């Protein structure tokens, strides 16, 4: 008779067999002389566990190969998902995590969660000299206007008439990209186009600052242009600007939000003081035009600021066209002049 230990192991093996093989095995045992059963059972058990051991040695290799194949499949799938959703994914990633910081900045948090819409533009040759502008209409200067002689100031009227969905690098040294041109927003009540309003404000600002003695260069004098964010920044860089001022009138997700806000670069030569200076600019403009200041935010969301961070750069949001009060204020005849006066006082500090 087989040993009890062999019988116990044999029963465990049989329990693992499919029903049809189990029946064949029992049939074979019944037909076998009792004297041969013990040797058969012992051989069967040894053979079973030997095969199981050899299979276990091979299985890790098979598991590794299978794991590698699955990993390649997952990576490939994620790559194709990324390729077809690159703009949205890069934008979301940039918004969530921002540009990697190598130092601590003195920043003012964006508690209102208003980032505005990034100007996005077209490629052109970058001018290194002042652009042609229409003959300015004489503009009166305030009696206490500052003397800005010697300053080179580049003004960038935000947006342009026709958008372009092609991409350009949003943050130097990274793969983050944004569309190069957009036309901006529209006044909730007035229907004014942001690209038209920013050009009007910028031309008045140029005229006033020149009256104060500054050399002023403007990135565009018309609405139908092809100029990308990077190219606007390069105009400031190539002309050795002391200040780069971008004029915007944003759209907020909440129509109750209104006021003056300033965005500044989160990197570059002036990053440690940019937030504080930007807050001063927001306060002066808001006080002068009779609005409220929303302060300043350091951000890498704006391509034009990122590529001009070697210059004192400010993206001045004069108000929110999505708010009826701001819309009305920004369309008052004297508001562009008041903004120009306020900016001159900031520059003259």
C-alpha atoms as a PDB file:
ATOM      1  CA  UNK A   1       0.000   0.000   0.000  1.00  0.00           C
ATOM      2  CA  UNK A   2       1.253   3.544  -0.693  1.00  0.00           C
ATOM      3  CA  UNK A   3       2.490   5.565   2.281  1.00  0.00           C
ATOM      4  CA  UNK A   4      -0.097   7.875   3.912  1.00  0.00           C
ATOM      5  CA  UNK A   5       2.002  10.913   2.990  1.00  0.00           C
ATOM      6  CA  UNK A   6       1.995   9.918  -0.682  1.00  0.00           C
ATOM      7  CA  UNK A   7      -1.746   9.292  -0.587  1.00  0.00           C
ATOM      8  CA  UNK A   8      -2.350  12.742   0.923  1.00  0.00           C
ATOM      9  CA  UNK A   9      -0.221  14.420  -1.749  1.00  0.00           C
ATOM     10  CA  UNK A  10      -1.883  12.339  -4.445  1.00  0.00           C
ATOM     11  CA  UNK A  11      -5.338  13.474  -3.344  1.00  0.00           C
ATOM     12  CA  UNK A  12      -4.236  17.131  -3.472  1.00  0.00           C
ATOM     13  CA  UNK A  13      -2.884  16.618  -6.988  1.00  0.00           C
ATOM     14  CA  UNK A  14      -6.060  14.882  -8.153  1.00  0.00           C
ATOM     15  CA  UNK A  15      -8.191  17.706  -6.734  1.00  0.00           C
ATOM     16  CA  UNK A  16      -6.376  20.112  -9.043  1.00  0.00           C
ATOM     17  CA  UNK A  17      -7.060  18.038 -12.174  1.00  0.00           C
ATOM     18  CA  UNK A  18      -9.944  18.682 -14.561  1.00  0.00           C
ATOM     19  CA  UNK A  19     -12.856  16.277 -14.134  1.00  0.00           C
ATOM     20  CA  UNK A  20     -12.162  14.343 -17.338  1.00  0.00           C
ATOM     21  CA  UNK A  21      -8.500  13.701 -16.443  1.00  0.00           C
ATOM     22  CA  UNK A  22      -9.496  12.776 -12.909  1.00  0.00           C
ATOM     23  CA  UNK A  23     -11.861  10.071 -14.224  1.00  0.00           C
ATOM     24  CA  UNK A  24      -9.195   8.655 -16.558  1.00  0.00           C
ATOM     25  CA  UNK A  25      -6.698   8.471 -13.716  1.00  0.00           C
ATOM     26  CA  UNK A  26      -9.135   6.645 -11.408  1.00  0.00           C
ATOM     27  CA  UNK A  27      -9.994   4.246 -14.229  1.00  0.00           C
ATOM     28  CA  UNK A  28      -6.333   3.500 -14.803  1.00  0.00           C
ATOM     29  CA  UNK A  29      -5.741   2.869 -11.091  1.00  0.00           C
ATOM     30  CA  UNK A  30      -8.697   0.476 -10.846  1.00  0.00           C
ATOM     31  CA  UNK A  31      -7.422  -1.525 -13.811  1.00  0.00           C
ATOM     32  CA  UNK A  32      -3.927  -1.698 -12.323  1.00  0.00           C
ATOM     33  CA  UNK A  33      -2.838  -4.607 -10.046  1.00  0.00           C
ATOM     34  CA  UNK A  34      -2.719  -3.437  -6.432  1.00  0.00           C
ATOM     35  CA  UNK A  35       0.972  -4.325  -6.239  1.00  0.00           C
ATOM     36  CA  UNK A  36       1.779  -1.705  -8.903  1.00  0.00           C
ATOM     37  CA  UNK A  37      -0.345   1.120  -7.516  1.00  0.00           C
ATOM     38  CA  UNK A  38       2.125   2.268  -4.831  1.00  0.00           C
ATOM     39  CA  UNK A  39       4.968   2.707  -7.316  1.00  0.00           C
ATOM     40  CA  UNK A  40       2.651   4.412  -9.804  1.00  0.00           C
ATOM     41  CA  UNK A  41       1.357   6.892  -7.224  1.00  0.00           C
ATOM     42  CA  UNK A  42       4.880   7.707  -5.985  1.00  0.00           C
ATOM     43  CA  UNK A  43       6.164   8.209  -9.555  1.00  0.00           C
ATOM     44  CA  UNK A  44       3.123  10.279 -10.452  1.00  0.00           C
ATOM     45  CA  UNK A  45       3.626  12.601  -7.486  1.00  0.00           C
ATOM     46  CA  UNK A  46       7.369  13.033  -8.143  1.00  0.00           C
ATOM     47  CA  UNK A  47       6.729  13.759 -11.799  1.00  0.00           C
ATOM     48  CA  UNK A  48       3.965  16.261 -10.991  1.00  0.00           C
ATOM     49  CA  UNK A  49       6.018  18.260  -8.498  1.00  0.00           C
ATOM     50  CA  UNK A  50       9.104  18.168 -10.712  1.00  0.00           C
ATOM     51  CA  UNK A  51       7.134  19.646 -13.625  1.00  0.00           C
ATOM     52  CA  UNK A  52       5.550  22.212 -11.316  1.00  0.00           C
ATOM     53  CA  UNK A  53       8.988  23.279 -10.036  1.00  0.00           C
ATOM     54  CA  UNK A  54      10.386  23.617 -13.574  1.00  0.00           C
ATOM     55  CA  UNK A  55       7.341  25.662 -14.589  1.00  0.00           C
ATOM     56  CA  UNK A  56       7.845  27.995 -11.629  1.00  0.00           C
ATOM     57  CA  UNK A  57      11.448  28.587 -12.736  1.00  0.00           C
ATOM     58  CA  UNK A  58      10.309  29.533 -16.226  1.00  0.00           C
ATOM     59  CA  UNK A  59       7.345  31.645 -15.179  1.00  0.00           C
ATOM     60  CA  UNK A  60       9.308  34.678 -13.920  1.00  0.00           C
ATOM     61  CA  UNK A  61      10.903  35.094 -17.329  1.00  0.00           C
ATOM     62  CA  UNK A  62       7.543  34.827 -19.009  1.00  0.00           C
ATOM     63  CA  UNK A  63       6.094  37.282 -16.486  1.00  0.00           C
ATOM     64  CA  UNK A  64       8.888  39.758 -17.157  1.00  0.00           C
ATOM     65  CA  UNK A  65       8.393  39.537 -20.909  1.00  0.00           C
ATOM     66  CA  UNK A  66       4.648  39.905 -20.509  1.00  0.00           C
ATOM     67  CA  UNK A  67       5.170  42.863 -18.165  1.00  0.00           C
ATOM     68  CA  UNK A  68       7.470  44.577 -20.660  1.00  0.00           C
ATOM     69  CA  UNK A  69       4.944  44.084 -23.464  1.00  0.00           C
ATOM     70  CA  UNK A  70       2.159  45.518 -21.313  1.00  0.00           C
ATOM     71  CA  UNK A  71       4.365  48.489 -20.337  1.00  0.00           C
ATOM     72  CA  UNK A  72       5.149  49.227 -24.002  1.00  0.00           C
ATOM     73  CA  UNK A  73       1.447  49.086 -24.801  1.00  0.00           C
ATOM     74  CA  UNK A  74       0.555  51.486 -21.972  1.00  0.00           C
ATOM     75  CA  UNK A  75       3.364  53.926 -22.828  1.00  0.00           C
ATOM     76  CA  UNK A  76       2.417  53.847 -26.510  1.00  0.00           C
ATOM     77  CA  UNK A  77      -1.224  54.502 -25.702  1.00  0.00           C
ATOM     78  CA  UNK A  78      -0.335  57.409 -23.417  1.00  0.00           C
ATOM     79  CA  UNK A  79       1.948  58.855 -26.105  1.00  0.00           C
ATOM     80  CA  UNK A  80      -0.796  58.864 -28.710  1.00  0.00           C
ATOM     81  CA  UNK A  81      -3.228  60.377 -26.206  1.00  0.00           C
ATOM     82  CA  UNK A  82      -0.663  63.110 -25.499  1.00  0.00           C
ATOM     83  CA  UNK A  83       0.043  63.793 -29.185  1.00  0.00           C
ATOM     84  CA  UNK A  84      -3.625  64.291 -30.004  1.00  0.00           C
ATOM     85  CA  UNK A  85      -4.262  66.405 -26.892  1.00  0.00           C
ATOM     86  CA  UNK A  86      -0.884  68.120 -26.606  1.00  0.00           C
ATOM     87  CA  UNK A  87      -2.084  71.736 -26.417  1.00  0.00           C
ATOM     88  CA  UNK A  88      -4.707  71.069 -23.761  1.00  0.00           C
ATOM     89  CA  UNK A  89      -2.449  68.775 -21.689  1.00  0.00           C
ATOM     90  CA  UNK A  90       0.549  71.152 -21.791  1.00  0.00           C
ATOM     91  CA  UNK A  91      -1.650  74.094 -20.906  1.00  0.00           C
ATOM     92  CA  UNK A  92      -3.241  72.233 -18.004  1.00  0.00           C
ATOM     93  CA  UNK A  93       0.123  70.961 -16.753  1.00  0.00           C
ATOM     94  CA  UNK A  94       1.587  74.453 -16.881  1.00  0.00           C
ATOM     95  CA  UNK A  95      -1.418  75.872 -15.070  1.00  0.00           C
ATOM     96  CA  UNK A  96      -1.293  73.232 -12.323  1.00  0.00           C
ATOM     97  CA  UNK A  97       2.437  73.106 -11.648  1.00  0.00           C
ATOM     98  CA  UNK A  98       3.971  76.221 -13.208  1.00  0.00           C
ATOM     99  CA  UNK A  99       7.565  76.608 -14.226  1.00  0.00           C
ATOM    100  CA  UNK A 100      10.071  74.901 -11.911  1.00  0.00           C
ATOM    101  CA  UNK A 101      11.464  77.434  -9.449  1.00  0.00           C
ATOM    102  CA  UNK A 102      15.130  77.547  -8.453  1.00  0.00           C
ATOM    103  CA  UNK A 103      14.725  80.260  -5.848  1.00  0.00           C
ATOM    104  CA  UNK A 104      12.084  81.726  -3.571  1.00  0.00           C
ATOM    105  CA  UNK A 105      10.328  84.816  -4.907  1.00  0.00           C
ATOM    106  CA  UNK A 106       8.551  87.550  -3.015  1.00  0.00           C
ATOM    107  CA  UNK A 107       5.168  86.879  -4.587  1.00  0.00           C
ATOM    108  CA  UNK A 108       1.647  88.035  -4.015  1.00  0.00           C
ATOM    109  CA  UNK A 109      -0.866  85.131  -4.250  1.00  0.00           C
ATOM    110  CA  UNK A 110      -3.525  85.265  -6.935  1.00  0.00           C
ATOM    111  CA  UNK A 111      -6.452  84.984  -4.527  1.00  0.00           C
ATOM    112  CA  UNK A 112      -8.992  85.942  -7.161  1.00  0.00           C
ATOM    113  CA  UNK A 113      -7.986  83.024  -9.424  1.00  0.00           C
ATOM    114  CA  UNK A 114      -8.100  85.331 -12.465  1.00  0.00           C
ATOM    115  CA  UNK A 115      -5.327  84.545 -14.875  1.00  0.00           C
ATOM    116  CA  UNK A 116      -6.772  86.236 -17.947  1.00  0.00           C
ATOM    117  CA  UNK A 117      -6.260  85.065 -21.482  1.00  0.00           C
ATOM    118  CA  UNK A 118      -2.767  84.862 -22.882  1.00  0.00           C
ATOM    119  CA  UNK A 119      -2.155  86.886 -26.035  1.00  0.00           C
ATOM    120  CA  UNK A 120      -1.260  84.501 -28.856  1.00  0.00           C
ATOM    121  CA  UNK A 121       0.180  85.706 -32.131  1.00  0.00           C
ATOM    122  CA  UNK A 122       1.941  85.189 -35.495  1.00  0.00           C
ATOM    123  CA  UNK A 123       5.587  85.089 -36.632  1.00  0.00           C
ATOM    124  CA  UNK A 124       7.120  88.157 -38.296  1.00  0.00           C
ATOM    125  CA  UNK A 125      10.570  89.630 -38.597  1.00  0.00           C
ATOM    126  CA  UNK A 126      11.366  91.265 -35.283  1.00  0.00           C
ATOM    127  CA  UNK A 127      11.972  95.001 -35.658  1.00  0.00           C
ATOM    128  CA  UNK A 128      14.948  96.390 -33.731  1.00  0.00           C
ATOM    129  CA  UNK A 129      13.993 100.025 -34.300  1.00  0.00           C
ATOM    130  CA  UNK A 130      10.857 101.982 -33.420  1.00  0.00           C
ATOM    131  CA  UNK A 131       7.897 101.099 -35.604  1.00  0.00           C
ATOM    132  CA  UNK A 132       6.208 103.720 -37.744  1.00  0.00           C
ATOM    133  CA  UNK A 133       3.274 105.304 -35.953  1.00  0.00           C
ATOM    134  CA  UNK A 134       0.594 107.735 -37.067  1.00  0.00           C
ATOM    135  CA  UNK A 135       1.221 111.405 -36.407  1.00  0.00           C
ATOM    136  CA  UNK A 136       0.174 111.763 -32.776  1.00  0.00           C
ATOM    137  CA  UNK A 137      -2.594 114.090 -31.737  1.00  0.00           C
ATOM    138  CA  UNK A 138      -1.161 116.620 -29.268  1.00  0.00           C
ATOM    139  CA  UNK A 139      -1.970 115.558 -25.742  1.00  0.00           C
ATOM    140  CA  UNK A 140      -1.816 117.837 -22.705  1.00  0.00           C
ATOM    141  CA  UNK A 141       0.552 116.940 -19.894  1.00  0.00           C
ATOM    142  CA  UNK A 142      -0.253 117.253 -16.222  1.00  0.00           C
ATOM    143  CA  UNK A 143       1.635 120.056 -14.518  1.00  0.00           C
ATOM    144  CA  UNK A 144       3.371 117.603 -12.211  1.00  0.00           C
ATOM    145  CA  UNK A 145       4.287 115.101 -14.934  1.00  0.00           C
ATOM    146  CA  UNK A 146       7.579 113.265 -14.367  1.00  0.00           C
ATOM    147  CA  UNK A 147      10.703 113.753 -16.461  1.00  0.00           C
ATOM    148  CA  UNK A 148      11.269 110.411 -18.186  1.00  0.00           C
ATOM    149  CA  UNK A 149      14.136 111.564 -20.389  1.00  0.00           C
ATOM    150  CA  UNK A 150      16.548 108.733 -21.138  1.00  0.00           C
ATOM    151  CA  UNK A 151      14.074 105.905 -20.593  1.00  0.00           C
ATOM    152  CA  UNK A 152      13.323 103.468 -23.424  1.00  0.00           C
ATOM    153  CA  UNK A 153       9.811 102.071 -23.056  1.00  0.00           C
ATOM    154  CA  UNK A 154       8.195  99.390 -25.251  1.00  0.00           C
ATOM    155  CA  UNK A 155       4.385  99.281 -25.189  1.00  0.00           C
ATOM    156  CA  UNK A 156       2.531  96.207 -26.388  1.00  0.00           C
ATOM    157  CA  UNK A 157      -1.193  96.592 -27.203  1.00  0.00           C
ATOM    158  CA  UNK A 158      -2.521  93.132 -26.297  1.00  0.00           C
ATOM    159  CA  UNK A 159      -3.990  90.791 -28.938  1.00  0.00           C
ATOM    160  CA  UNK A 160      -4.737  91.434 -32.605  1.00  0.00           C
ATOM    161  CA  UNK A 161      -7.606  91.186 -35.045  1.00  0.00           C
ATOM    162  CA  UNK A 162      -7.144  87.640 -36.377  1.00  0.00           C
ATOM    163  CA  UNK A 163      -6.227  84.641 -34.189  1.00  0.00           C
ATOM    164  CA  UNK A 164      -3.738  81.929 -35.086  1.00  0.00           C
ATOM    165  CA  UNK A 165      -3.827  78.455 -33.530  1.00  0.00           C
ATOM    166  CA  UNK A 166      -0.241  77.556 -34.393  1.00  0.00           C
ATOM    167  CA  UNK A 167       2.047  77.058 -31.416  1.00  0.00           C
ATOM    168  CA  UNK A 168       5.142  78.700 -29.993  1.00  0.00           C
ATOM    169  CA  UNK A 169       7.226  77.938 -26.905  1.00  0.00           C
ATOM    170  CA  UNK A 170       5.518  79.501 -23.894  1.00  0.00           C
ATOM    171  CA  UNK A 171       8.351  79.070 -21.378  1.00  0.00           C
ATOM    172  CA  UNK A 172      11.963  79.224 -22.618  1.00  0.00           C
ATOM    173  CA  UNK A 173      13.819  75.979 -22.083  1.00  0.00           C
ATOM    174  CA  UNK A 174      10.684  73.842 -21.736  1.00  0.00           C
ATOM    175  CA  UNK A 175       8.319  71.989 -24.070  1.00  0.00           C
ATOM    176  CA  UNK A 176       5.288  74.009 -22.910  1.00  0.00           C
ATOM    177  CA  UNK A 177       3.543  75.621 -25.888  1.00  0.00           C
ATOM    178  CA  UNK A 178       0.665  78.005 -26.449  1.00  0.00           C
ATOM    179  CA  UNK A 179      -1.189  79.324 -29.449  1.00  0.00           C
ATOM    180  CA  UNK A 180       0.553  82.314 -30.928  1.00  0.00           C
ATOM    181  CA  UNK A 181      -2.341  84.695 -31.471  1.00  0.00           C
ATOM    182  CA  UNK A 182      -5.802  85.490 -30.173  1.00  0.00           C
ATOM    183  CA  UNK A 183      -8.131  88.434 -30.601  1.00  0.00           C
ATOM    184  CA  UNK A 184      -8.975  88.723 -26.920  1.00  0.00           C
ATOM    185  CA  UNK A 185     -12.388  89.255 -25.399  1.00  0.00           C
ATOM    186  CA  UNK A 186     -15.394  91.517 -26.080  1.00  0.00           C
ATOM    187  CA  UNK A 187     -17.122  94.068 -23.876  1.00  0.00           C
ATOM    188  CA  UNK A 188     -20.161  92.553 -22.158  1.00  0.00           C
ATOM    189  CA  UNK A 189     -22.279  95.678 -22.781  1.00  0.00           C
ATOM    190  CA  UNK A 190     -20.347  97.826 -25.243  1.00  0.00           C
ATOM    191  CA  UNK A 191     -19.306  95.036 -27.618  1.00  0.00           C
ATOM    192  CA  UNK A 192     -15.876  96.672 -27.947  1.00  0.00           C
ATOM    193  CA  UNK A 193     -13.110  94.320 -29.062  1.00  0.00           C
ATOM    194  CA  UNK A 194     -10.215  94.008 -26.655  1.00  0.00           C
ATOM    195  CA  UNK A 195      -7.632  94.293 -29.446  1.00  0.00           C
ATOM    196  CA  UNK A 196      -9.189  97.622 -30.481  1.00  0.00           C
ATOM    197  CA  UNK A 197      -9.374  98.976 -26.952  1.00  0.00           C
ATOM    198  CA  UNK A 198      -5.785  98.022 -26.080  1.00  0.00           C
ATOM    199  CA  UNK A 199      -4.470  99.761 -29.201  1.00  0.00           C
ATOM    200  CA  UNK A 200      -6.400 102.942 -28.342  1.00  0.00           C
ATOM    201  CA  UNK A 201      -5.002 102.961 -24.806  1.00  0.00           C
ATOM    202  CA  UNK A 202      -1.480 102.183 -26.005  1.00  0.00           C
ATOM    203  CA  UNK A 203      -1.394 105.021 -28.552  1.00  0.00           C
ATOM    204  CA  UNK A 204      -2.507 107.531 -25.905  1.00  0.00           C
ATOM    205  CA  UNK A 205       0.074 106.116 -23.486  1.00  0.00           C
ATOM    206  CA  UNK A 206       2.824 106.367 -26.113  1.00  0.00           C
ATOM    207  CA  UNK A 207       1.946 109.974 -26.833  1.00  0.00           C
ATOM    208  CA  UNK A 208       1.895 110.951 -23.174  1.00  0.00           C
ATOM    209  CA  UNK A 209       5.168 109.217 -22.251  1.00  0.00           C
ATOM    210  CA  UNK A 210       6.918 110.809 -25.219  1.00  0.00           C
ATOM    211  CA  UNK A 211       5.659 114.155 -23.911  1.00  0.00           C
ATOM    212  CA  UNK A 212       7.401 113.280 -20.648  1.00  0.00           C
ATOM    213  CA  UNK A 213      10.694 112.809 -22.558  1.00  0.00           C
ATOM    214  CA  UNK A 214      10.814 109.013 -22.933  1.00  0.00           C
ATOM    215  CA  UNK A 215      11.731 107.121 -26.081  1.00  0.00           C
ATOM    216  CA  UNK A 216       8.660 104.978 -26.760  1.00  0.00           C
ATOM    217  CA  UNK A 217       8.352 102.012 -29.113  1.00  0.00           C
ATOM    218  CA  UNK A 218       5.016 100.324 -29.799  1.00  0.00           C
ATOM    219  CA  UNK A 219       4.728  96.738 -31.036  1.00  0.00           C
ATOM    220  CA  UNK A 220       1.765  97.433 -33.314  1.00  0.00           C
ATOM    221  CA  UNK A 221      -0.119 100.469 -34.634  1.00  0.00           C
ATOM    222  CA  UNK A 222      -2.856  98.536 -36.416  1.00  0.00           C
ATOM    223  CA  UNK A 223      -5.248  95.740 -35.517  1.00  0.00           C
ATOM    224  CA  UNK A 224      -4.671  93.644 -38.645  1.00  0.00           C
ATOM    225  CA  UNK A 225      -1.116  92.464 -37.861  1.00  0.00           C
ATOM    226  CA  UNK A 226       0.834  89.228 -37.585  1.00  0.00           C
ATOM    227  CA  UNK A 227       2.957  89.459 -34.423  1.00  0.00           C
ATOM    228  CA  UNK A 228       3.517  86.639 -31.941  1.00  0.00           C
ATOM    229  CA  UNK A 229       4.080  86.928 -28.200  1.00  0.00           C
ATOM    230  CA  UNK A 230       7.734  85.987 -28.547  1.00  0.00           C
ATOM    231  CA  UNK A 231       8.243  88.590 -31.253  1.00  0.00           C
ATOM    232  CA  UNK A 232       6.651  91.276 -29.094  1.00  0.00           C
ATOM    233  CA  UNK A 233       9.027  90.352 -26.274  1.00  0.00           C
ATOM    234  CA  UNK A 234      11.962  90.432 -28.697  1.00  0.00           C
ATOM    235  CA  UNK A 235      11.092  94.006 -29.677  1.00  0.00           C
ATOM    236  CA  UNK A 236      11.660  94.968 -26.047  1.00  0.00           C
ATOM    237  CA  UNK A 237      14.874  92.931 -25.805  1.00  0.00           C
ATOM    238  CA  UNK A 238      16.343  94.102 -29.113  1.00  0.00           C
ATOM    239  CA  UNK A 239      15.700  97.765 -28.317  1.00  0.00           C
ATOM    240  CA  UNK A 240      17.279  97.506 -24.846  1.00  0.00           C
ATOM    241  CA  UNK A 241      14.057  98.637 -23.225  1.00  0.00           C
ATOM    242  CA  UNK A 242      14.046  99.831 -19.634  1.00  0.00           C
ATOM    243  CA  UNK A 243      10.369  98.866 -19.345  1.00  0.00           C
ATOM    244  CA  UNK A 244       8.056  96.554 -21.283  1.00  0.00           C
ATOM    245  CA  UNK A 245       4.384  97.359 -20.664  1.00  0.00           C
ATOM    246  CA  UNK A 246       1.648  95.119 -22.100  1.00  0.00           C
ATOM    247  CA  UNK A 247      -1.862  96.583 -22.106  1.00  0.00           C
ATOM    248  CA  UNK A 248      -4.823  94.214 -21.634  1.00  0.00           C
ATOM    249  CA  UNK A 249      -8.522  94.243 -20.673  1.00  0.00           C
ATOM    250  CA  UNK A 250      -9.369  90.734 -19.600  1.00  0.00           C
ATOM    251  CA  UNK A 251     -12.391  88.484 -19.213  1.00  0.00           C
ATOM    252  CA  UNK A 252     -13.029  86.916 -15.784  1.00  0.00           C
ATOM    253  CA  UNK A 253     -15.013  83.718 -15.096  1.00  0.00           C
ATOM    254  CA  UNK A 254     -17.242  85.702 -12.721  1.00  0.00           C
ATOM    255  CA  UNK A 255     -18.939  88.824 -14.129  1.00  0.00           C
ATOM    256  CA  UNK A 256     -18.834  90.445 -10.665  1.00  0.00           C
ATOM    257  CA  UNK A 257     -15.034  90.623 -10.740  1.00  0.00           C
ATOM    258  CA  UNK A 258     -13.649  94.031 -11.654  1.00  0.00           C
ATOM    259  CA  UNK A 259     -10.566  96.130 -11.064  1.00  0.00           C
ATOM    260  CA  UNK A 260      -6.963  96.654 -12.130  1.00  0.00           C
ATOM    261  CA  UNK A 261      -4.473  93.799 -12.028  1.00  0.00           C
ATOM    262  CA  UNK A 262      -0.823  93.441 -13.005  1.00  0.00           C
ATOM    263  CA  UNK A 263       0.989  90.240 -14.003  1.00  0.00           C
ATOM    264  CA  UNK A 264       4.781  90.044 -13.808  1.00  0.00           C
ATOM    265  CA  UNK A 265       7.318  87.332 -14.727  1.00  0.00           C
ATOM    266  CA  UNK A 266       8.082  84.642 -12.160  1.00  0.00           C
ATOM    267  CA  UNK A 267      11.686  84.418 -13.343  1.00  0.00           C
ATOM    268  CA  UNK A 268      14.445  86.637 -14.603  1.00  0.00           C
ATOM    269  CA  UNK A 269      16.591  89.553 -13.501  1.00  0.00           C
ATOM    270  CA  UNK A 270      13.840  91.408 -11.623  1.00  0.00           C
ATOM    271  CA  UNK A 271      11.854  88.510 -10.196  1.00  0.00           C
ATOM    272  CA  UNK A 272      12.580  89.368  -6.559  1.00  0.00           C
ATOM    273  CA  UNK A 273      11.041  92.854  -6.815  1.00  0.00           C
ATOM    274  CA  UNK A 274       8.576  92.357  -9.674  1.00  0.00           C
ATOM    275  CA  UNK A 275       5.536  91.484  -7.539  1.00  0.00           C
ATOM    276  CA  UNK A 276       5.975  94.526  -5.291  1.00  0.00           C
ATOM    277  CA  UNK A 277       6.529  96.866  -8.260  1.00  0.00           C
ATOM    278  CA  UNK A 278       3.541  95.383 -10.077  1.00  0.00           C
ATOM    279  CA  UNK A 279       1.343  96.000  -7.054  1.00  0.00           C
ATOM    280  CA  UNK A 280       2.432  99.665  -7.020  1.00  0.00           C
ATOM    281  CA  UNK A 281       1.460  99.964 -10.684  1.00  0.00           C
ATOM    282  CA  UNK A 282      -1.953  98.371 -10.074  1.00  0.00           C
ATOM    283  CA  UNK A 283      -2.603 100.660  -7.091  1.00  0.00           C
ATOM    284  CA  UNK A 284      -1.649 103.856  -8.939  1.00  0.00           C
ATOM    285  CA  UNK A 285      -3.729 103.029 -12.034  1.00  0.00           C
ATOM    286  CA  UNK A 286      -6.770 101.937  -9.996  1.00  0.00           C
ATOM    287  CA  UNK A 287      -6.651 105.087  -7.839  1.00  0.00           C
ATOM    288  CA  UNK A 288      -6.274 107.354 -10.881  1.00  0.00           C
ATOM    289  CA  UNK A 289      -9.157 105.919 -12.944  1.00  0.00           C
ATOM    290  CA  UNK A 290     -11.501 105.396  -9.983  1.00  0.00           C
ATOM    291  CA  UNK A 291     -11.361 101.592  -9.903  1.00  0.00           C
ATOM    292  CA  UNK A 292     -10.095  99.066  -7.361  1.00  0.00           C
ATOM    293  CA  UNK A 293      -6.721  97.372  -7.263  1.00  0.00           C
ATOM    294  CA  UNK A 294      -6.518  93.590  -7.466  1.00  0.00           C
ATOM    295  CA  UNK A 295      -2.792  93.729  -6.859  1.00  0.00           C
ATOM    296  CA  UNK A 296      -0.033  91.871  -8.643  1.00  0.00           C
ATOM    297  CA  UNK A 297       0.701  88.231  -9.432  1.00  0.00           C
ATOM    298  CA  UNK A 298       3.940  86.593 -10.516  1.00  0.00           C
ATOM    299  CA  UNK A 299       3.121  84.083 -13.222  1.00  0.00           C
ATOM    300  CA  UNK A 300       4.671  82.042 -16.006  1.00  0.00           C
ATOM    301  CA  UNK A 301       1.317  81.731 -17.805  1.00  0.00           C
ATOM    302  CA  UNK A 302       2.146  84.507 -20.259  1.00  0.00           C
ATOM    303  CA  UNK A 303       4.553  83.881 -23.113  1.00  0.00           C
ATOM    304  CA  UNK A 304       5.326  87.566 -23.676  1.00  0.00           C
ATOM    305  CA  UNK A 305       6.407  88.026 -20.056  1.00  0.00           C
ATOM    306  CA  UNK A 306       8.434  84.807 -19.952  1.00  0.00           C
ATOM    307  CA  UNK A 307      10.490  85.787 -22.990  1.00  0.00           C
ATOM    308  CA  UNK A 308      11.127  89.336 -21.736  1.00  0.00           C
ATOM    309  CA  UNK A 309      12.107  88.528 -18.147  1.00  0.00           C
ATOM    310  CA  UNK A 310      15.454  90.268 -18.592  1.00  0.00           C
ATOM    311  CA  UNK A 311      13.489  93.547 -18.796  1.00  0.00           C
ATOM    312  CA  UNK A 312      11.178  95.129 -16.212  1.00  0.00           C
ATOM    313  CA  UNK A 313       8.001  93.692 -17.689  1.00  0.00           C
ATOM    314  CA  UNK A 314       4.393  94.334 -16.648  1.00  0.00           C
ATOM    315  CA  UNK A 315       1.137  93.050 -18.086  1.00  0.00           C
ATOM    316  CA  UNK A 316      -1.333  95.747 -17.060  1.00  0.00           C
ATOM    317  CA  UNK A 317      -4.970  94.623 -17.006  1.00  0.00           C
ATOM    318  CA  UNK A 318      -6.817  97.970 -16.946  1.00  0.00           C
ATOM    319  CA  UNK A 319     -10.129  96.246 -16.212  1.00  0.00           C
ATOM    320  CA  UNK A 320     -12.441  93.357 -17.035  1.00  0.00           C
ATOM    321  CA  UNK A 321     -14.665  93.673 -20.081  1.00  0.00           C
ATOM    322  CA  UNK A 322     -16.754  90.825 -18.650  1.00  0.00           C
ATOM    323  CA  UNK A 323     -17.945  93.228 -15.913  1.00  0.00           C
ATOM    324  CA  UNK A 324     -20.502  95.873 -16.892  1.00  0.00           C
ATOM    325  CA  UNK A 325     -19.009  98.544 -14.587  1.00  0.00           C
ATOM    326  CA  UNK A 326     -15.483  98.038 -15.911  1.00  0.00           C
ATOM    327  CA  UNK A 327     -16.805  97.854 -19.459  1.00  0.00           C
ATOM    328  CA  UNK A 328     -18.468 101.257 -19.018  1.00  0.00           C
ATOM    329  CA  UNK A 329     -15.413 102.756 -17.276  1.00  0.00           C
ATOM    330  CA  UNK A 330     -12.940 101.552 -19.895  1.00  0.00           C
ATOM    331  CA  UNK A 331     -15.070 103.044 -22.662  1.00  0.00           C
ATOM    332  CA  UNK A 332     -15.218 106.513 -21.096  1.00  0.00           C
ATOM    333  CA  UNK A 333     -13.390 109.045 -23.251  1.00  0.00           C
ATOM    334  CA  UNK A 334     -10.965 110.209 -20.553  1.00  0.00           C
ATOM    335  CA  UNK A 335      -9.983 106.791 -19.121  1.00  0.00           C
ATOM    336  CA  UNK A 336      -7.119 106.115 -21.592  1.00  0.00           C
ATOM    337  CA  UNK A 337      -5.640 109.506 -20.672  1.00  0.00           C
ATOM    338  CA  UNK A 338      -5.943 108.769 -16.940  1.00  0.00           C
ATOM    339  CA  UNK A 339      -4.213 105.403 -17.421  1.00  0.00           C
ATOM    340  CA  UNK A 340      -1.385 107.165 -19.277  1.00  0.00           C
ATOM    341  CA  UNK A 341      -0.965 109.668 -16.442  1.00  0.00           C
ATOM    342  CA  UNK A 342      -0.916 106.872 -13.884  1.00  0.00           C
ATOM    343  CA  UNK A 343       1.695 104.831 -15.791  1.00  0.00           C
ATOM    344  CA  UNK A 344       3.907 107.894 -16.143  1.00  0.00           C
ATOM    345  CA  UNK A 345       3.769 108.463 -12.365  1.00  0.00           C
ATOM    346  CA  UNK A 346       4.748 104.836 -11.792  1.00  0.00           C
ATOM    347  CA  UNK A 347       7.682 105.099 -14.197  1.00  0.00           C
ATOM    348  CA  UNK A 348       8.804 108.355 -12.610  1.00  0.00           C
ATOM    349  CA  UNK A 349       9.016 106.945  -9.075  1.00  0.00           C
END
